[in-house]
PDB file of N, CA and C in Angstrom:
ATOM      1  N   MET A   1     -55.335  46.185 -32.087  1.00  0.00           N
ATOM      2  CA  MET A   1     -54.843  45.127 -32.948  1.00  0.00           C
ATOM      3  C   MET A   1     -53.384  45.403 -33.353  1.00  0.00           C
ATOM      4  N   SER A   2     -52.521  44.430 -33.264  1.00  0.00           N
ATOM      5  CA  SER A   2     -51.119  44.606 -33.599  1.00  0.00           C
ATOM      6  C   SER A   2     -50.925  44.756 -35.093  1.00  0.00           C
ATOM      7  N   LYS A   3     -49.801  45.401 -35.466  1.00  0.00           N
ATOM      8  CA  LYS A   3     -49.468  45.587 -36.855  1.00  0.00           C
ATOM      9  C   LYS A   3     -49.409  44.251 -37.610  1.00  0.00           C
ATOM     10  N   ALA A   4     -48.891  43.208 -36.915  1.00  0.00           N
ATOM     11  CA  ALA A   4     -48.772  41.919 -37.575  1.00  0.00           C
ATOM     12  C   ALA A   4     -50.138  41.306 -37.860  1.00  0.00           C
ATOM     13  N   ARG A   5     -51.148  41.717 -37.163  1.00  0.00           N
ATOM     14  CA  ARG A   5     -52.476  41.107 -37.338  1.00  0.00           C
ATOM     15  C   ARG A   5     -53.362  41.928 -38.309  1.00  0.00           C
ATOM     16  N   GLU A   6     -52.949  43.140 -38.594  1.00  0.00           N
ATOM     17  CA  GLU A   6     -53.716  43.926 -39.527  1.00  0.00           C
ATOM     18  C   GLU A   6     -53.639  43.307 -40.930  1.00  0.00           C
ATOM     19  N   THR A   7     -54.616  43.486 -41.711  1.00  0.00           N
ATOM     20  CA  THR A   7     -54.573  42.864 -43.014  1.00  0.00           C
ATOM     21  C   THR A   7     -54.359  43.957 -44.036  1.00  0.00           C
ATOM     22  N   ALA A   8     -53.594  43.576 -45.062  1.00  0.00           N
ATOM     23  CA  ALA A   8     -53.361  44.422 -46.202  1.00  0.00           C
ATOM     24  C   ALA A   8     -54.423  44.223 -47.252  1.00  0.00           C
ATOM     25  N   GLU A   9     -54.402  44.962 -48.366  1.00  0.00           N
ATOM     26  CA  GLU A   9     -55.354  44.726 -49.420  1.00  0.00           C
ATOM     27  C   GLU A   9     -55.297  43.319 -49.832  1.00  0.00           C
ATOM     28  N   GLY A  10     -56.446  42.687 -50.201  1.00  0.00           N
ATOM     29  CA  GLY A  10     -56.467  41.347 -50.652  1.00  0.00           C
ATOM     30  C   GLY A  10     -56.581  40.376 -49.467  1.00  0.00           C
ATOM     31  N   GLY A  11     -56.647  40.837 -48.243  1.00  0.00           N
ATOM     32  CA  GLY A  11     -56.854  40.005 -47.096  1.00  0.00           C
ATOM     33  C   GLY A  11     -55.575  39.340 -46.559  1.00  0.00           C
ATOM     34  N   ALA A  12     -54.435  39.577 -47.181  1.00  0.00           N
ATOM     35  CA  ALA A  12     -53.200  38.984 -46.729  1.00  0.00           C
ATOM     36  C   ALA A  12     -52.694  39.764 -45.497  1.00  0.00           C
ATOM     37  N   GLU A  13     -52.118  39.024 -44.598  1.00  0.00           N
ATOM     38  CA  GLU A  13     -51.575  39.649 -43.381  1.00  0.00           C
ATOM     39  C   GLU A  13     -50.426  40.589 -43.765  1.00  0.00           C
ATOM     40  N   ALA A  14     -50.424  41.780 -43.146  1.00  0.00           N
ATOM     41  CA  ALA A  14     -49.376  42.765 -43.463  1.00  0.00           C
ATOM     42  C   ALA A  14     -48.060  42.256 -42.981  1.00  0.00           C
ATOM     43  N   ILE A  15     -47.016  42.592 -43.687  1.00  0.00           N
ATOM     44  CA  ILE A  15     -45.665  42.226 -43.288  1.00  0.00           C
ATOM     45  C   ILE A  15     -45.226  43.150 -42.138  1.00  0.00           C
ATOM     46  N   PRO A  16     -44.833  42.580 -40.970  1.00  0.00           N
ATOM     47  CA  PRO A  16     -44.427  43.402 -39.880  1.00  0.00           C
ATOM     48  C   PRO A  16     -43.155  44.225 -40.248  1.00  0.00           C
ATOM     49  N   ALA A  17     -42.978  45.337 -39.565  1.00  0.00           N
ATOM     50  CA  ALA A  17     -41.863  46.249 -39.851  1.00  0.00           C
ATOM     51  C   ALA A  17     -40.508  45.554 -39.708  1.00  0.00           C
ATOM     52  N   ASP A  18     -40.379  44.703 -38.698  1.00  0.00           N
ATOM     53  CA  ASP A  18     -39.062  44.035 -38.509  1.00  0.00           C
ATOM     54  C   ASP A  18     -38.691  43.139 -39.689  1.00  0.00           C
ATOM     55  N   ILE A  19     -39.673  42.444 -40.273  1.00  0.00           N
ATOM     56  CA  ILE A  19     -39.401  41.659 -41.478  1.00  0.00           C
ATOM     57  C   ILE A  19     -39.184  42.529 -42.679  1.00  0.00           C
ATOM     58  N   ALA A  20     -40.054  43.529 -42.841  1.00  0.00           N
ATOM     59  CA  ALA A  20     -39.946  44.430 -44.003  1.00  0.00           C
ATOM     60  C   ALA A  20     -38.565  45.095 -44.079  1.00  0.00           C
ATOM     61  N   ALA A  21     -37.925  45.289 -42.942  1.00  0.00           N
ATOM     62  CA  ALA A  21     -36.621  45.951 -42.922  1.00  0.00           C
ATOM     63  C   ALA A  21     -35.460  44.987 -43.227  1.00  0.00           C
ATOM     64  N   MET A  22     -35.770  43.659 -43.316  1.00  0.00           N
ATOM     65  CA  MET A  22     -34.711  42.675 -43.549  1.00  0.00           C
ATOM     66  C   MET A  22     -34.304  42.633 -45.081  1.00  0.00           C
ATOM     67  N   SER A  23     -33.030  42.390 -45.213  1.00  0.00           N
ATOM     68  CA  SER A  23     -32.529  42.104 -46.562  1.00  0.00           C
ATOM     69  C   SER A  23     -33.076  40.725 -46.993  1.00  0.00           C
ATOM     70  N   PHE A  24     -32.957  40.418 -48.300  1.00  0.00           N
ATOM     71  CA  PHE A  24     -33.369  39.111 -48.737  1.00  0.00           C
ATOM     72  C   PHE A  24     -32.609  37.996 -48.038  1.00  0.00           C
ATOM     73  N   GLU A  25     -31.293  38.215 -47.910  1.00  0.00           N
ATOM     74  CA  GLU A  25     -30.430  37.184 -47.311  1.00  0.00           C
ATOM     75  C   GLU A  25     -30.789  36.961 -45.850  1.00  0.00           C
ATOM     76  N   ALA A  26     -31.019  38.035 -45.121  1.00  0.00           N
ATOM     77  CA  ALA A  26     -31.380  37.904 -43.665  1.00  0.00           C
ATOM     78  C   ALA A  26     -32.717  37.213 -43.535  1.00  0.00           C
ATOM     79  N   ALA A  27     -33.713  37.544 -44.345  1.00  0.00           N
ATOM     80  CA  ALA A  27     -35.002  36.912 -44.300  1.00  0.00           C
ATOM     81  C   ALA A  27     -34.920  35.479 -44.649  1.00  0.00           C
ATOM     82  N   LEU A  28     -34.095  35.104 -45.613  1.00  0.00           N
ATOM     83  CA  LEU A  28     -33.985  33.718 -46.048  1.00  0.00           C
ATOM     84  C   LEU A  28     -33.320  32.921 -44.916  1.00  0.00           C
ATOM     85  N   LYS A  29     -32.314  33.505 -44.291  1.00  0.00           N
ATOM     86  CA  LYS A  29     -31.644  32.827 -43.163  1.00  0.00           C
ATOM     87  C   LYS A  29     -32.605  32.597 -41.955  1.00  0.00           C
ATOM     88  N   ALA A  30     -33.480  33.618 -41.669  1.00  0.00           N
ATOM     89  CA  ALA A  30     -34.479  33.454 -40.622  1.00  0.00           C
ATOM     90  C   ALA A  30     -35.503  32.383 -40.967  1.00  0.00           C
ATOM     91  N   LEU A  31     -35.842  32.378 -42.210  1.00  0.00           N
ATOM     92  CA  LEU A  31     -36.812  31.332 -42.673  1.00  0.00           C
ATOM     93  C   LEU A  31     -36.173  29.920 -42.570  1.00  0.00           C
ATOM     94  N   ASP A  32     -34.911  29.810 -42.931  1.00  0.00           N
ATOM     95  CA  ASP A  32     -34.210  28.538 -42.788  1.00  0.00           C
ATOM     96  C   ASP A  32     -34.166  28.052 -41.363  1.00  0.00           C
ATOM     97  N   GLU A  33     -33.939  29.010 -40.426  1.00  0.00           N
ATOM     98  CA  GLU A  33     -33.874  28.685 -38.993  1.00  0.00           C
ATOM     99  C   GLU A  33     -35.260  28.181 -38.523  1.00  0.00           C
ATOM    100  N   ILE A  34     -36.297  28.843 -38.983  1.00  0.00           N
ATOM    101  CA  ILE A  34     -37.657  28.413 -38.600  1.00  0.00           C
ATOM    102  C   ILE A  34     -37.944  27.003 -39.103  1.00  0.00           C
ATOM    103  N   VAL A  35     -37.582  26.745 -40.339  1.00  0.00           N
ATOM    104  CA  VAL A  35     -37.808  25.438 -40.948  1.00  0.00           C
ATOM    105  C   VAL A  35     -37.061  24.375 -40.106  1.00  0.00           C
ATOM    106  N   GLY A  36     -35.865  24.647 -39.723  1.00  0.00           N
ATOM    107  CA  GLY A  36     -35.102  23.728 -38.890  1.00  0.00           C
ATOM    108  C   GLY A  36     -35.761  23.424 -37.558  1.00  0.00           C
ATOM    109  N   LYS A  37     -36.278  24.487 -36.927  1.00  0.00           N
ATOM    110  CA  LYS A  37     -36.979  24.275 -35.651  1.00  0.00           C
ATOM    111  C   LYS A  37     -38.252  23.430 -35.805  1.00  0.00           C
ATOM    112  N   LEU A  38     -39.009  23.753 -36.857  1.00  0.00           N
ATOM    113  CA  LEU A  38     -40.249  22.991 -37.107  1.00  0.00           C
ATOM    114  C   LEU A  38     -39.928  21.565 -37.488  1.00  0.00           C
ATOM    115  N   GLU A  39     -38.904  21.327 -38.275  1.00  0.00           N
ATOM    116  CA  GLU A  39     -38.504  19.957 -38.641  1.00  0.00           C
ATOM    117  C   GLU A  39     -38.001  19.133 -37.510  1.00  0.00           C
ATOM    118  N   SER A  40     -37.419  19.837 -36.511  1.00  0.00           N
ATOM    119  CA  SER A  40     -36.847  19.104 -35.372  1.00  0.00           C
ATOM    120  C   SER A  40     -37.933  18.439 -34.496  1.00  0.00           C
ATOM    121  N   GLY A  41     -39.154  19.011 -34.556  1.00  0.00           N
ATOM    122  CA  GLY A  41     -40.234  18.420 -33.763  1.00  0.00           C
ATOM    123  C   GLY A  41     -40.091  18.733 -32.252  1.00  0.00           C
ATOM    124  N   ARG A  42     -39.187  19.614 -31.893  1.00  0.00           N
ATOM    125  CA  ARG A  42     -38.894  19.928 -30.492  1.00  0.00           C
ATOM    126  C   ARG A  42     -39.612  21.168 -29.994  1.00  0.00           C
ATOM    127  N   VAL A  43     -40.579  21.725 -30.726  1.00  0.00           N
ATOM    128  CA  VAL A  43     -41.307  22.876 -30.287  1.00  0.00           C
ATOM    129  C   VAL A  43     -42.769  22.449 -30.091  1.00  0.00           C
ATOM    130  N   ASP A  44     -43.358  23.072 -29.072  1.00  0.00           N
ATOM    131  CA  ASP A  44     -44.792  22.713 -28.767  1.00  0.00           C
ATOM    132  C   ASP A  44     -45.675  23.266 -29.845  1.00  0.00           C
ATOM    133  N   LEU A  45     -46.985  22.887 -29.768  1.00  0.00           N
ATOM    134  CA  LEU A  45     -47.938  23.270 -30.784  1.00  0.00           C
ATOM    135  C   LEU A  45     -48.079  24.751 -30.953  1.00  0.00           C
ATOM    136  N   GLU A  46     -48.243  25.458 -29.856  1.00  0.00           N
ATOM    137  CA  GLU A  46     -48.425  26.881 -29.904  1.00  0.00           C
ATOM    138  C   GLU A  46     -47.266  27.629 -30.552  1.00  0.00           C
ATOM    139  N   GLU A  47     -46.032  27.220 -30.183  1.00  0.00           N
ATOM    140  CA  GLU A  47     -44.855  27.797 -30.793  1.00  0.00           C
ATOM    141  C   GLU A  47     -44.779  27.427 -32.256  1.00  0.00           C
ATOM    142  N   SER A  48     -45.109  26.179 -32.572  1.00  0.00           N
ATOM    143  CA  SER A  48     -45.097  25.745 -33.984  1.00  0.00           C
ATOM    144  C   SER A  48     -46.040  26.612 -34.829  1.00  0.00           C
ATOM    145  N   ILE A  49     -47.194  26.916 -34.331  1.00  0.00           N
ATOM    146  CA  ILE A  49     -48.147  27.765 -35.049  1.00  0.00           C
ATOM    147  C   ILE A  49     -47.592  29.154 -35.278  1.00  0.00           C
ATOM    148  N   ALA A  50     -46.998  29.696 -34.178  1.00  0.00           N
ATOM    149  CA  ALA A  50     -46.416  31.056 -34.321  1.00  0.00           C
ATOM    150  C   ALA A  50     -45.242  31.049 -35.289  1.00  0.00           C
ATOM    151  N   LEU A  51     -44.399  30.038 -35.227  1.00  0.00           N
ATOM    152  CA  LEU A  51     -43.271  29.961 -36.129  1.00  0.00           C
ATOM    153  C   LEU A  51     -43.723  29.797 -37.604  1.00  0.00           C
ATOM    154  N   TYR A  52     -44.747  28.996 -37.797  1.00  0.00           N
ATOM    155  CA  TYR A  52     -45.281  28.791 -39.125  1.00  0.00           C
ATOM    156  C   TYR A  52     -45.803  30.124 -39.735  1.00  0.00           C
ATOM    157  N   GLY A  53     -46.524  30.882 -38.918  1.00  0.00           N
ATOM    158  CA  GLY A  53     -47.066  32.154 -39.313  1.00  0.00           C
ATOM    159  C   GLY A  53     -45.929  33.124 -39.674  1.00  0.00           C
ATOM    160  N   ARG A  54     -44.895  33.214 -38.851  1.00  0.00           N
ATOM    161  CA  ARG A  54     -43.770  34.047 -39.127  1.00  0.00           C
ATOM    162  C   ARG A  54     -43.038  33.598 -40.404  1.00  0.00           C
ATOM    163  N   GLY A  55     -42.928  32.292 -40.538  1.00  0.00           N
ATOM    164  CA  GLY A  55     -42.300  31.733 -41.716  1.00  0.00           C
ATOM    165  C   GLY A  55     -43.000  32.096 -42.995  1.00  0.00           C
ATOM    166  N   ALA A  56     -44.301  32.101 -42.926  1.00  0.00           N
ATOM    167  CA  ALA A  56     -45.139  32.445 -44.122  1.00  0.00           C
ATOM    168  C   ALA A  56     -44.928  33.945 -44.470  1.00  0.00           C
ATOM    169  N   LEU A  57     -44.796  34.771 -43.463  1.00  0.00           N
ATOM    170  CA  LEU A  57     -44.540  36.203 -43.722  1.00  0.00           C
ATOM    171  C   LEU A  57     -43.107  36.381 -44.319  1.00  0.00           C
ATOM    172  N   LEU A  58     -42.116  35.664 -43.782  1.00  0.00           N
ATOM    173  CA  LEU A  58     -40.772  35.743 -44.325  1.00  0.00           C
ATOM    174  C   LEU A  58     -40.742  35.283 -45.757  1.00  0.00           C
ATOM    175  N   ARG A  59     -41.468  34.223 -46.071  1.00  0.00           N
ATOM    176  CA  ARG A  59     -41.509  33.720 -47.456  1.00  0.00           C
ATOM    177  C   ARG A  59     -42.100  34.765 -48.389  1.00  0.00           C
ATOM    178  N   ARG A  60     -43.214  35.410 -47.966  1.00  0.00           N
ATOM    179  CA  ARG A  60     -43.805  36.474 -48.781  1.00  0.00           C
ATOM    180  C   ARG A  60     -42.837  37.619 -49.005  1.00  0.00           C
ATOM    181  N   HIS A  61     -42.110  38.003 -47.950  1.00  0.00           N
ATOM    182  CA  HIS A  61     -41.088  39.069 -48.089  1.00  0.00           C
ATOM    183  C   HIS A  61     -40.039  38.690 -49.052  1.00  0.00           C
ATOM    184  N   CYS A  62     -39.482  37.469 -48.995  1.00  0.00           N
ATOM    185  CA  CYS A  62     -38.498  37.003 -49.905  1.00  0.00           C
ATOM    186  C   CYS A  62     -39.043  37.004 -51.351  1.00  0.00           C
ATOM    187  N   GLU A  63     -40.210  36.522 -51.537  1.00  0.00           N
ATOM    188  CA  GLU A  63     -40.809  36.544 -52.879  1.00  0.00           C
ATOM    189  C   GLU A  63     -40.973  37.938 -53.435  1.00  0.00           C
ATOM    190  N   ALA A  64     -41.359  38.860 -52.571  1.00  0.00           N
ATOM    191  CA  ALA A  64     -41.494  40.285 -53.010  1.00  0.00           C
ATOM    192  C   ALA A  64     -40.136  40.872 -53.387  1.00  0.00           C
ATOM    193  N   LYS A  65     -39.105  40.574 -52.607  1.00  0.00           N
ATOM    194  CA  LYS A  65     -37.764  41.044 -52.907  1.00  0.00           C
ATOM    195  C   LYS A  65     -37.288  40.478 -54.215  1.00  0.00           C
ATOM    196  N   LEU A  66     -37.510  39.213 -54.495  1.00  0.00           N
ATOM    197  CA  LEU A  66     -37.118  38.595 -55.772  1.00  0.00           C
ATOM    198  C   LEU A  66     -37.875  39.215 -56.952  1.00  0.00           C
ATOM    199  N   LYS A  67     -39.181  39.439 -56.775  1.00  0.00           N
ATOM    200  CA  LYS A  67     -39.947  40.027 -57.849  1.00  0.00           C
ATOM    201  C   LYS A  67     -39.479  41.455 -58.163  1.00  0.00           C
ATOM    202  N   ALA A  68     -39.119  42.211 -57.112  1.00  0.00           N
ATOM    203  CA  ALA A  68     -38.610  43.566 -57.321  1.00  0.00           C
ATOM    204  C   ALA A  68     -37.273  43.531 -58.090  1.00  0.00           C
ATOM    205  N   ALA A  69     -36.430  42.554 -57.732  1.00  0.00           N
ATOM    206  CA  ALA A  69     -35.136  42.442 -58.431  1.00  0.00           C
ATOM    207  C   ALA A  69     -35.372  42.038 -59.901  1.00  0.00           C
ATOM    208  N   GLU A  70     -36.290  41.144 -60.129  1.00  0.00           N
ATOM    209  CA  GLU A  70     -36.536  40.721 -61.551  1.00  0.00           C
ATOM    210  C   GLU A  70     -37.060  41.964 -62.358  1.00  0.00           C
ATOM    211  N   GLU A  71     -37.812  42.791 -61.737  1.00  0.00           N
ATOM    212  CA  GLU A  71     -38.319  43.960 -62.457  1.00  0.00           C
ATOM    213  C   GLU A  71     -37.229  44.982 -62.830  1.00  0.00           C
ATOM    214  N   LYS A  72     -36.120  44.936 -62.082  1.00  0.00           N
ATOM    215  CA  LYS A  72     -35.013  45.851 -62.332  1.00  0.00           C
ATOM    216  C   LYS A  72     -34.055  45.292 -63.400  1.00  0.00           C
ATOM    217  N   ILE A  73     -34.049  43.992 -63.628  1.00  0.00           N
ATOM    218  CA  ILE A  73     -33.122  43.373 -64.543  1.00  0.00           C
ATOM    219  C   ILE A  73     -33.677  43.521 -65.956  1.00  0.00           C
ATOM    220  N   GLU A  74     -32.802  43.885 -66.850  1.00  0.00           N
ATOM    221  CA  GLU A  74     -33.182  43.924 -68.267  1.00  0.00           C
ATOM    222  C   GLU A  74     -32.339  42.943 -69.063  1.00  0.00           C
ATOM    223  N   LYS A  75     -33.016  42.342 -69.935  1.00  0.00           N
ATOM    224  CA  LYS A  75     -32.339  41.338 -70.805  1.00  0.00           C
ATOM    225  C   LYS A  75     -31.810  42.047 -71.996  1.00  0.00           C
ATOM    226  N   ILE A  76     -30.548  41.793 -72.369  1.00  0.00           N
ATOM    227  CA  ILE A  76     -29.962  42.365 -73.530  1.00  0.00           C
ATOM    228  C   ILE A  76     -30.454  41.599 -74.766  1.00  0.00           C
ATOM    229  N   VAL A  77     -30.969  42.312 -75.750  1.00  0.00           N
ATOM    230  CA  VAL A  77     -31.437  41.675 -76.974  1.00  0.00           C
ATOM    231  C   VAL A  77     -30.353  41.768 -78.024  1.00  0.00           C
ATOM    232  N   VAL A  78     -30.031  40.652 -78.624  1.00  0.00           N
ATOM    233  CA  VAL A  78     -29.026  40.596 -79.669  1.00  0.00           C
ATOM    234  C   VAL A  78     -29.705  40.545 -81.042  1.00  0.00           C
ATOM    235  N   GLY A  79     -29.296  41.432 -81.942  1.00  0.00           N
ATOM    236  CA  GLY A  79     -29.831  41.476 -83.248  1.00  0.00           C
ATOM    237  C   GLY A  79     -29.280  40.377 -84.120  1.00  0.00           C
ATOM    238  N   ALA A  80     -29.820  40.281 -85.333  1.00  0.00           N
ATOM    239  CA  ALA A  80     -29.398  39.299 -86.329  1.00  0.00           C
ATOM    240  C   ALA A  80     -27.907  39.366 -86.643  1.00  0.00           C
ATOM    241  N   ASP A  81     -27.352  40.582 -86.536  1.00  0.00           N
ATOM    242  CA  ASP A  81     -25.919  40.754 -86.840  1.00  0.00           C
ATOM    243  C   ASP A  81     -25.001  40.414 -85.643  1.00  0.00           C
ATOM    244  N   GLY A  82     -25.610  39.979 -84.549  1.00  0.00           N
ATOM    245  CA  GLY A  82     -24.835  39.596 -83.374  1.00  0.00           C
ATOM    246  C   GLY A  82     -24.507  40.735 -82.441  1.00  0.00           C
ATOM    247  N   GLN A  83     -24.962  41.941 -82.799  1.00  0.00           N
ATOM    248  CA  GLN A  83     -24.721  43.117 -81.962  1.00  0.00           C
ATOM    249  C   GLN A  83     -25.884  43.376 -81.069  1.00  0.00           C
ATOM    250  N   ALA A  84     -25.600  44.014 -79.922  1.00  0.00           N
ATOM    251  CA  ALA A  84     -26.697  44.341 -78.987  1.00  0.00           C
ATOM    252  C   ALA A  84     -27.651  45.316 -79.701  1.00  0.00           C
ATOM    253  N   ALA A  85     -28.934  44.935 -79.675  1.00  0.00           N
ATOM    254  CA  ALA A  85     -29.950  45.759 -80.414  1.00  0.00           C
ATOM    255  C   ALA A  85     -30.812  46.496 -79.392  1.00  0.00           C
ATOM    256  N   GLY A  86     -30.565  46.368 -78.144  1.00  0.00           N
ATOM    257  CA  GLY A  86     -31.385  47.049 -77.159  1.00  0.00           C
ATOM    258  C   GLY A  86     -31.614  46.164 -75.945  1.00  0.00           C
ATOM    259  N   THR A  87     -32.603  46.551 -75.152  1.00  0.00           N
ATOM    260  CA  THR A  87     -32.922  45.746 -73.973  1.00  0.00           C
ATOM    261  C   THR A  87     -34.442  45.577 -73.902  1.00  0.00           C
ATOM    262  N   GLN A  88     -34.850  44.567 -73.133  1.00  0.00           N
ATOM    263  CA  GLN A  88     -36.236  44.371 -72.876  1.00  0.00           C
ATOM    264  C   GLN A  88     -36.341  43.876 -71.453  1.00  0.00           C
ATOM    265  N   PRO A  89     -37.519  44.023 -70.842  1.00  0.00           N
ATOM    266  CA  PRO A  89     -37.675  43.568 -69.428  1.00  0.00           C
ATOM    267  C   PRO A  89     -37.397  42.053 -69.294  1.00  0.00           C
ATOM    268  N   PHE A  90     -36.814  41.706 -68.198  1.00  0.00           N
ATOM    269  CA  PHE A  90     -36.482  40.311 -67.916  1.00  0.00           C
ATOM    270  C   PHE A  90     -37.773  39.577 -67.510  1.00  0.00           C
ATOM    271  N   LYS A  91     -37.973  38.359 -68.044  1.00  0.00           N
ATOM    272  CA  LYS A  91     -39.082  37.527 -67.630  1.00  0.00           C
ATOM    273  C   LYS A  91     -38.554  36.138 -67.333  1.00  0.00           C
ATOM    274  N   ALA A  92     -38.797  35.665 -66.111  1.00  0.00           N
ATOM    275  CA  ALA A  92     -38.338  34.324 -65.764  1.00  0.00           C
ATOM    276  C   ALA A  92     -39.156  33.292 -66.489  1.00  0.00           C
ATOM    277  N   ASP A  93     -38.478  32.235 -66.921  1.00  0.00           N
ATOM    278  CA  ASP A  93     -39.188  31.219 -67.702  1.00  0.00           C
ATOM    279  C   ASP A  93     -39.746  30.193 -66.723  1.00  0.00           C
TER     280      ASP A  93
END
């Protein structure tokens, strides 16, 4: 069984090493290219299925990169006197 077909915990397909090594920007660009190909309607059914699967993996990778970045960002807390009173973890609204 290939690495791309192995499942990770929770039953989700494991992210292949080539995708895992991509930066957020590279993965987003690859995902955009896949969307363009699928939207063009110029790929056959089998290729469309393969592209869709790779696109789903790229999307998961991008989401994981964003979540990791959010966890590193700290929000500066301003006290009543207008001075920085410390930090707290960032939470997206």
